[in-house]
C-alpha atoms as a PDB file:
ATOM      1  CA  MET A   1     -38.890-158.127 142.709  1.00  0.00           C
ATOM      2  CA  ARG A   2     -38.056-154.445 142.546  1.00  0.00           C
ATOM      3  CA  GLN A   3     -35.335-155.114 139.960  1.00  0.00           C
ATOM      4  CA  LEU A   4     -37.731-157.156 137.857  1.00  0.00           C
ATOM      5  CA  VAL A   5     -40.325-154.369 137.793  1.00  0.00           C
ATOM      6  CA  SER A   6     -37.751-151.683 137.017  1.00  0.00           C
ATOM      7  CA  ARG A   7     -36.258-153.825 134.241  1.00  0.00           C
ATOM      8  CA  PHE A   8     -39.737-154.438 132.787  1.00  0.00           C
ATOM      9  CA  LEU A   9     -40.608-150.731 132.847  1.00  0.00           C
ATOM     10  CA  GLY A  10     -37.256-149.800 131.298  1.00  0.00           C
ATOM     11  CA  ASP A  11     -37.535-152.296 128.429  1.00  0.00           C
ATOM     12  CA  GLN A  12     -38.489-150.466 125.228  1.00  0.00           C
ATOM     13  CA  SER A  13     -37.769-153.191 122.689  1.00  0.00           C
ATOM     14  CA  GLY A  14     -41.404-153.437 121.518  1.00  0.00           C
ATOM     15  CA  ALA A  15     -42.067-149.694 121.512  1.00  0.00           C
ATOM     16  CA  THR A  16     -40.923-149.207 117.922  1.00  0.00           C
ATOM     17  CA  ALA A  17     -43.189-151.937 116.579  1.00  0.00           C
ATOM     18  CA  ILE A  18     -46.160-150.459 118.420  1.00  0.00           C
ATOM     19  CA  GLU A  19     -45.364-147.005 117.047  1.00  0.00           C
ATOM     20  CA  TYR A  20     -45.204-148.350 113.495  1.00  0.00           C
ATOM     21  CA  CYS A  21     -48.541-150.102 113.987  1.00  0.00           C
ATOM     22  CA  LEU A  22     -50.115-146.878 115.225  1.00  0.00           C
ATOM     23  CA  ILE A  23     -48.730-144.955 112.250  1.00  0.00           C
ATOM     24  CA  ALA A  24     -49.956-147.589 109.772  1.00  0.00           C
ATOM     25  CA  GLY A  25     -53.383-147.648 111.408  1.00  0.00           C
ATOM     26  CA  SER A  26     -53.743-143.885 111.291  1.00  0.00           C
ATOM     27  CA  ILE A  27     -52.689-143.775 107.628  1.00  0.00           C
ATOM     28  CA  ALA A  28     -55.230-146.488 106.798  1.00  0.00           C
ATOM     29  CA  LEU A  29     -57.933-144.546 108.644  1.00  0.00           C
ATOM     30  CA  MET A  30     -57.071-141.366 106.716  1.00  0.00           C
ATOM     31  CA  ILE A  31     -57.241-143.242 103.402  1.00  0.00           C
ATOM     32  CA  ILE A  32     -60.681-144.619 104.284  1.00  0.00           C
ATOM     33  CA  VAL A  33     -61.973-141.168 105.213  1.00  0.00           C
ATOM     34  CA  VAL A  34     -60.641-139.595 102.003  1.00  0.00           C
ATOM     35  CA  VAL A  35     -62.010-142.357  99.779  1.00  0.00           C
ATOM     36  CA  GLN A  36     -65.432-142.098 101.407  1.00  0.00           C
ATOM     37  CA  GLY A  37     -65.381-138.334 100.879  1.00  0.00           C
ATOM     38  CA  ILE A  38     -64.343-138.529  97.221  1.00  0.00           C
ATOM     39  CA  GLY A  39     -66.488-141.579  96.375  1.00  0.00           C
ATOM     40  CA  PRO A  40     -69.762-139.769  95.576  1.00  0.00           C
ATOM     41  CA  GLN A  41     -67.937-137.211  93.409  1.00  0.00           C
ATOM     42  CA  LEU A  42     -66.240-139.965  91.435  1.00  0.00           C
ATOM     43  CA  ALA A  43     -69.525-141.819  91.007  1.00  0.00           C
ATOM     44  CA  ALA A  44     -71.140-138.654  89.627  1.00  0.00           C
ATOM     45  CA  THR A  45     -68.230-138.083  87.259  1.00  0.00           C
ATOM     46  CA  PHE A  46     -68.374-141.636  85.927  1.00  0.00           C
ATOM     47  CA  ALA A  47     -72.150-141.376  85.559  1.00  0.00           C
ATOM     48  CA  ALA A  48     -71.714-138.194  83.515  1.00  0.00           C
ATOM     49  CA  ILE A  49     -69.109-139.862  81.317  1.00  0.00           C
ATOM     50  CA  THR A  50     -71.355-142.895  80.815  1.00  0.00           C
ATOM     51  CA  GLY A  51     -74.273-140.617  79.955  1.00  0.00           C
ATOM     52  CA  SER A  52     -72.249-138.707  77.384  1.00  0.00           C
ATOM     53  CA  LEU A  53     -71.087-141.960  75.744  1.00  0.00           C
ATOM     54  CA  ASN A  54     -74.633-143.237  75.272  1.00  0.00           C
END
C-alpha cells in the first residue's frame, strides 16, 4: 500500500496538461477583461464615425 501511494504521489504525467489548461484559462480571462475595458471606448468611436457619416 505504501508503494502504491508513493508511486501515485510521484506520478507527474498529467501535470503538464493541467499547467497548459491553467495558462489557457488565465489568457482567456485576461482577454475578457481587456475586451470589456476597451468595449465602451470602441462603441463611442464607432458612434462618432457613424455620426460623421450621416
